[in-house]
Amino acid sequence: MGLIRSLQNYDDPNSLASRFRRKRSRHVRALIEAIFRETGACRIVDLGGRPEYWKMFERPFLEAHGVHVTCVNYGAELAPIDDPMFTLTEGSACDLHQFADGAFDLVHSNSVVEHVGDWDNVEAFAREVCRLAKRYYVQTPYVFFPIEPHFSAVFFHWLPEPVRAEILTRRTLGFMPGKAANMGDAMRAVQHARLLSKRMFRYLFQDAQFPDEQVVGLTKSLIAVRA
């Protein structure tokens, strides 16, 4: 495992990425506490999420605040779980017509909007975030931070798509299990993660506050919070 990849290891609670994630979680905690004060419980929909993400929050905290999490993801990403705190729902975060407006107290999304596809899908995702709950928390990596988190490489995401695809056919980067088998697979991997600029992100979530994550004076992640 390379140095950058080891720093991004979420299975290690002491890794740099895990520490950053726990620090960002303070925004979510504050939202949960505010909702609980108002309603006595907290219904969360986690777009593109998995139950294991919520392990970084202490179980007594979640239980004390009446938290229930509905995880929306594709079937392959949702391992069965026997836990009344979670409901697993297969579906696209860009189209959740099965849920009424305001069906939840909080919409949560961590590093998902960059994976939903082209700009039309990105806008559809943002519309769902804004309509499903009064409050939301959305986080995504920043395109102008020098390290690309999905491929664990410096400046990689600033290269033209054809160059990135060529590299992926020759080398294993980041979370990929191996080199791309062909150019088709390489292009799908490249286009699977489309990072956003601040202007793009703030256009999508115009009624939010933006407590973006900073590292040594550089913006690492974009965060939108509607409280």
Protein backbone atom coordinates (compact mmCIF):
# COMPACT_ATOMS: atom_id res chain seq x y z
CA MET A 1 0.00 0.00 0.00
CA GLY A 2 1.44 3.40 -1.00
CA LEU A 3 1.88 6.27 1.43
CA ILE A 4 -1.11 8.29 0.22
CA ARG A 5 -3.30 5.19 0.09
CA SER A 6 -2.32 4.27 3.66
CA LEU A 7 -3.26 7.77 4.83
CA GLN A 8 -6.68 7.24 3.22
CA ASN A 9 -7.35 3.88 4.90
CA TYR A 10 -10.78 4.23 6.54
CA ASP A 11 -10.39 0.76 8.08
CA ASP A 12 -7.68 2.27 10.29
CA PRO A 13 -9.30 4.58 12.86
CA ASN A 14 -5.97 6.35 13.32
CA SER A 15 -5.38 7.10 9.63
CA LEU A 16 -5.38 10.71 8.48
CA ALA A 17 -8.57 10.19 6.48
CA SER A 18 -10.38 8.69 9.48
CA ARG A 19 -9.34 11.62 11.64
CA PHE A 20 -10.55 14.12 9.04
CA ARG A 21 -13.87 12.27 8.77
CA ARG A 22 -14.36 12.33 12.54
CA LYS A 23 -13.59 16.05 12.62
CA ARG A 24 -16.15 16.71 9.86
CA SER A 25 -18.72 14.71 11.80
CA ARG A 26 -19.14 17.58 14.26
CA HIS A 27 -21.41 19.26 11.72
CA VAL A 28 -23.63 16.18 11.59
CA ARG A 29 -23.69 15.88 15.37
CA ALA A 30 -24.82 19.49 15.71
CA LEU A 31 -27.64 18.89 13.22
CA ILE A 32 -28.77 15.72 15.02
CA GLU A 33 -28.80 17.55 18.36
CA ALA A 34 -30.83 20.45 16.94
CA ILE A 35 -33.36 18.09 15.37
CA PHE A 36 -33.70 16.06 18.57
CA ARG A 37 -34.39 19.22 20.58
CA GLU A 38 -37.23 20.04 18.18
CA THR A 39 -38.78 16.62 17.57
CA GLY A 40 -37.43 14.11 20.11
CA ALA A 41 -36.01 11.88 17.36
CA CYS A 42 -34.00 12.15 14.14
CA ARG A 43 -34.88 10.48 10.83
CA ILE A 44 -31.85 10.54 8.53
CA VAL A 45 -31.61 9.51 4.88
CA ASP A 46 -28.01 8.74 3.92
CA LEU A 47 -27.67 9.08 0.14
CA GLY A 48 -25.12 6.62 -1.17
CA GLY A 49 -24.34 5.60 2.39
CA ARG A 50 -23.71 2.39 4.28
CA PRO A 51 -24.38 1.49 7.91
CA GLU A 52 -20.67 1.01 8.66
CA TYR A 53 -20.06 4.73 8.12
CA TRP A 54 -22.13 5.48 11.20
CA LYS A 55 -19.82 3.48 13.45
CA MET A 56 -17.72 6.61 13.92
CA PHE A 57 -20.61 8.06 15.94
CA GLU A 58 -20.88 6.53 19.40
CA ARG A 59 -23.84 4.16 19.55
CA PRO A 60 -25.10 5.69 22.82
CA PHE A 61 -25.15 9.13 21.13
CA LEU A 62 -27.24 7.85 18.23
CA GLU A 63 -29.62 5.95 20.49
CA ALA A 64 -30.01 8.86 22.91
CA HIS A 65 -31.04 11.11 20.03
CA GLY A 66 -33.54 8.67 18.53
CA VAL A 67 -31.57 8.31 15.30
CA HIS A 68 -32.86 6.10 12.51
CA VAL A 69 -30.89 5.98 9.25
CA THR A 70 -32.29 5.01 5.86
CA CYS A 71 -29.33 4.15 3.62
CA VAL A 72 -30.03 4.57 -0.09
CA ASN A 73 -27.54 2.81 -2.35
CA TYR A 74 -27.23 0.27 -5.12
CA GLY A 75 -27.86 -3.32 -4.08
CA ALA A 76 -24.25 -4.45 -4.45
CA GLU A 77 -23.22 -1.75 -1.96
CA LEU A 78 -25.70 -2.78 0.74
CA ALA A 79 -24.73 -5.80 2.80
CA PRO A 80 -27.67 -7.14 4.84
CA ILE A 81 -27.75 -5.88 8.40
CA ASP A 82 -29.85 -6.91 11.40
CA ASP A 83 -30.07 -3.61 13.21
CA PRO A 84 -33.30 -1.68 13.89
CA MET A 85 -31.40 1.60 13.64
CA PHE A 86 -31.01 1.12 9.87
CA THR A 87 -33.26 0.63 6.87
CA LEU A 88 -31.56 -0.34 3.61
CA THR A 89 -33.16 0.95 0.42
CA GLU A 90 -31.92 0.11 -3.06
CA GLY A 91 -32.18 3.00 -5.46
CA SER A 92 -30.67 6.04 -7.14
CA ALA A 93 -30.02 9.16 -5.10
CA CYS A 94 -30.94 11.16 -8.20
CA ASP A 95 -34.55 9.92 -8.18
CA LEU A 96 -36.23 9.13 -4.89
CA HIS A 97 -39.82 9.73 -5.90
CA GLN A 98 -40.92 7.01 -3.45
CA PHE A 99 -40.24 9.50 -0.64
CA ALA A 100 -42.42 12.57 -0.14
CA ASP A 101 -41.04 16.07 0.27
CA GLY A 102 -39.78 16.48 3.83
CA ALA A 103 -39.99 12.75 4.53
CA PHE A 104 -36.87 12.97 6.70
CA ASP A 105 -35.36 15.31 9.27
CA LEU A 106 -31.86 15.28 7.78
CA VAL A 107 -30.31 14.39 4.43
CA HIS A 108 -26.71 13.18 4.74
CA SER A 109 -24.27 12.57 1.90
CA ASN A 110 -20.55 11.89 2.19
CA SER A 111 -18.44 11.78 -0.99
CA VAL A 112 -21.28 10.79 -3.30
CA VAL A 113 -22.28 13.70 -5.55
CA GLU A 114 -19.05 13.35 -7.55
CA HIS A 115 -20.09 9.79 -8.50
CA VAL A 116 -23.60 10.30 -9.84
CA GLY A 117 -22.64 10.98 -13.46
CA ASP A 118 -23.11 13.93 -15.79
CA TRP A 119 -24.27 17.41 -14.82
CA ASP A 120 -27.97 16.60 -15.27
CA ASN A 121 -27.60 13.83 -12.69
CA VAL A 122 -25.65 16.13 -10.36
CA GLU A 123 -28.48 18.67 -10.47
CA ALA A 124 -31.08 15.93 -9.94
CA PHE A 125 -29.11 14.72 -6.90
CA ALA A 126 -29.04 18.23 -5.46
CA ARG A 127 -32.78 18.66 -5.96
CA GLU A 128 -33.44 15.45 -4.03
CA VAL A 129 -31.16 16.60 -1.22
CA CYS A 130 -32.99 19.90 -0.94
CA ARG A 131 -36.53 18.50 -0.98
CA LEU A 132 -36.23 15.44 1.27
CA ALA A 133 -35.55 17.27 4.53
CA LYS A 134 -35.40 20.70 6.10
CA ARG A 135 -31.75 20.17 6.99
CA TYR A 136 -28.90 18.62 5.04
CA TYR A 137 -25.17 17.88 5.15
CA VAL A 138 -23.32 17.23 1.89
CA GLN A 139 -19.58 16.68 1.53
CA THR A 140 -17.46 16.10 -1.57
CA PRO A 141 -13.73 16.27 -2.42
CA TYR A 142 -12.57 19.57 -3.95
CA VAL A 143 -11.29 19.52 -7.52
CA PHE A 144 -8.49 22.00 -6.83
CA PHE A 145 -6.98 20.14 -3.89
CA PRO A 146 -3.76 18.61 -5.29
CA ILE A 147 -4.39 15.01 -4.16
CA GLU A 148 -7.11 13.08 -5.97
CA PRO A 149 -8.68 10.88 -3.25
CA HIS A 150 -10.12 8.11 -5.42
CA PHE A 151 -6.87 7.36 -7.21
CA SER A 152 -4.53 8.39 -4.36
CA ALA A 153 -2.39 10.41 -6.74
CA VAL A 154 -1.05 13.95 -6.79
CA PHE A 155 -2.36 16.15 -9.66
CA PHE A 156 -3.92 13.11 -11.39
CA HIS A 157 -7.38 14.67 -11.69
CA TRP A 158 -5.96 17.75 -13.42
CA LEU A 159 -4.79 15.72 -16.40
CA PRO A 160 -7.00 15.38 -19.52
CA GLU A 161 -9.33 12.37 -19.45
CA PRO A 162 -7.48 10.49 -22.24
CA VAL A 163 -4.20 10.84 -20.34
CA ARG A 164 -5.76 9.58 -17.11
CA ALA A 165 -7.26 6.62 -18.95
CA GLU A 166 -3.89 5.74 -20.48
CA ILE A 167 -2.29 5.79 -17.04
CA LEU A 168 -4.96 3.49 -15.60
CA THR A 169 -4.27 0.90 -18.31
CA ARG A 170 -0.63 0.85 -17.21
CA ARG A 171 -0.74 1.30 -13.43
CA THR A 172 -2.87 0.45 -10.41
CA LEU A 173 -3.90 3.58 -8.56
CA GLY A 174 -5.85 4.22 -5.39
CA PHE A 175 -8.86 2.01 -4.72
CA MET A 176 -8.68 0.15 -8.04
CA PRO A 177 -8.14 -3.62 -7.62
CA GLY A 178 -5.68 -3.62 -10.52
CA LYS A 179 -4.80 -2.01 -13.84
CA ALA A 180 -7.74 -1.34 -16.13
CA ALA A 181 -8.23 -4.32 -18.45
CA ASN A 182 -8.91 -2.11 -21.45
CA MET A 183 -9.59 1.47 -22.48
CA GLY A 184 -13.33 1.08 -21.89
CA ASP A 185 -12.80 0.11 -18.26
CA ALA A 186 -10.24 2.91 -17.87
CA MET A 187 -12.63 5.56 -19.17
CA ARG A 188 -15.45 4.30 -16.94
CA ALA A 189 -13.14 4.55 -13.93
CA VAL A 190 -12.04 8.07 -14.91
CA GLN A 191 -15.60 9.30 -15.43
CA HIS A 192 -16.89 7.62 -12.28
CA ALA A 193 -15.41 10.43 -10.16
CA ARG A 194 -16.08 13.97 -11.40
CA LEU A 195 -14.92 16.42 -8.77
CA LEU A 196 -16.61 19.78 -8.31
CA SER A 197 -15.38 23.35 -7.98
CA LYS A 198 -16.61 25.72 -5.29
CA ARG A 199 -18.68 27.65 -7.80
CA MET A 200 -20.37 24.47 -9.06
CA PHE A 201 -21.05 23.24 -5.53
CA ARG A 202 -22.46 26.52 -4.32
CA TYR A 203 -24.70 26.77 -7.35
CA LEU A 204 -26.21 23.40 -6.41
CA PHE A 205 -26.83 24.26 -2.75
CA GLN A 206 -27.65 27.95 -2.78
CA ASP A 207 -29.40 28.06 0.60
CA ALA A 208 -26.56 26.40 2.52
CA GLN A 209 -23.61 27.50 4.58
CA PHE A 210 -20.20 26.26 3.48
CA PRO A 211 -17.83 25.32 6.33
CA ASP A 212 -15.34 23.82 3.89
CA GLU A 213 -12.58 21.55 5.19
CA GLN A 214 -9.12 23.13 5.18
CA VAL A 215 -5.65 21.58 5.25
CA VAL A 216 -2.59 23.83 5.62
CA GLY A 217 -4.54 26.70 4.12
CA LEU A 218 -5.91 24.68 1.19
CA THR A 219 -9.52 23.60 0.74
CA LYS A 220 -9.61 19.79 0.87
CA SER A 221 -13.34 19.09 0.87
CA LEU A 222 -16.44 21.10 0.06
CA ILE A 223 -19.21 20.98 2.66
CA ALA A 224 -22.74 22.32 2.42
CA VAL A 225 -24.89 22.56 5.56
CA ARG A 226 -28.48 23.74 5.69
CA ALA A 227 -29.36 24.08 9.34
